[in-house]
Amino acid sequence: MAAFMDTAIVATMTVTVKTMAVQRWIWRNLLFEFMGTPWEGERGA
């Protein structure tokens, strides 16, 4: 049972991290498209 729990926890963590990474990647691309400005704050230039 313990091994199953560990596997489930690891799987959940992996999925969560991958989901967060994908969401960050999507948001970055959306900001690039909508704002048309580089991610590294070059607004003041």
Protein backbone atom coordinates (compact mmCIF):
# COMPACT_ATOMS: atom_id res chain seq x y z
CA MET A 1 0.00 0.00 0.00
CA ALA A 2 2.81 2.37 0.88
CA ALA A 3 4.50 1.81 -2.46
CA PHE A 4 1.24 2.52 -4.26
CA MET A 5 0.78 5.73 -2.29
CA ASP A 6 4.33 6.85 -3.12
CA THR A 7 3.74 6.15 -6.81
CA ALA A 8 0.47 8.06 -6.75
CA ILE A 9 2.11 11.04 -5.04
CA VAL A 10 5.00 11.09 -7.51
CA ALA A 11 2.61 10.81 -10.45
CA THR A 12 0.47 13.66 -9.10
CA MET A 13 3.52 15.85 -8.56
CA THR A 14 4.80 15.12 -12.07
CA VAL A 15 1.46 15.94 -13.68
CA THR A 16 1.15 19.12 -11.61
CA VAL A 17 4.63 20.33 -12.55
CA LYS A 18 4.08 19.54 -16.23
CA THR A 19 0.71 21.31 -16.20
CA MET A 20 2.23 24.39 -14.57
CA ALA A 21 5.06 24.43 -17.11
CA VAL A 22 2.61 24.15 -20.02
CA GLN A 23 0.41 26.91 -18.62
CA ARG A 24 3.44 29.20 -18.17
CA TRP A 25 4.53 28.47 -21.73
CA ILE A 26 1.03 29.22 -23.08
CA TRP A 27 0.75 32.45 -21.07
CA ARG A 28 4.17 33.59 -22.30
CA ASN A 29 3.15 33.01 -25.90
CA LEU A 30 -0.18 34.79 -25.39
CA LEU A 31 1.56 37.79 -23.84
CA PHE A 32 4.07 37.85 -26.71
CA GLU A 33 1.25 37.86 -29.25
CA PHE A 34 -1.09 40.33 -27.56
CA MET A 35 1.46 42.82 -26.25
CA GLY A 36 4.05 42.46 -28.98
CA THR A 37 6.79 43.26 -26.46
CA PRO A 38 9.70 41.15 -25.24
CA TRP A 39 9.21 39.31 -21.95
CA GLU A 40 12.28 40.96 -20.35
CA GLY A 41 10.91 44.37 -19.35
CA GLU A 42 11.92 46.59 -22.24
CA ARG A 43 8.84 48.76 -21.86
CA GLY A 44 10.75 51.82 -20.64
CA ALA A 45 13.19 51.77 -23.56
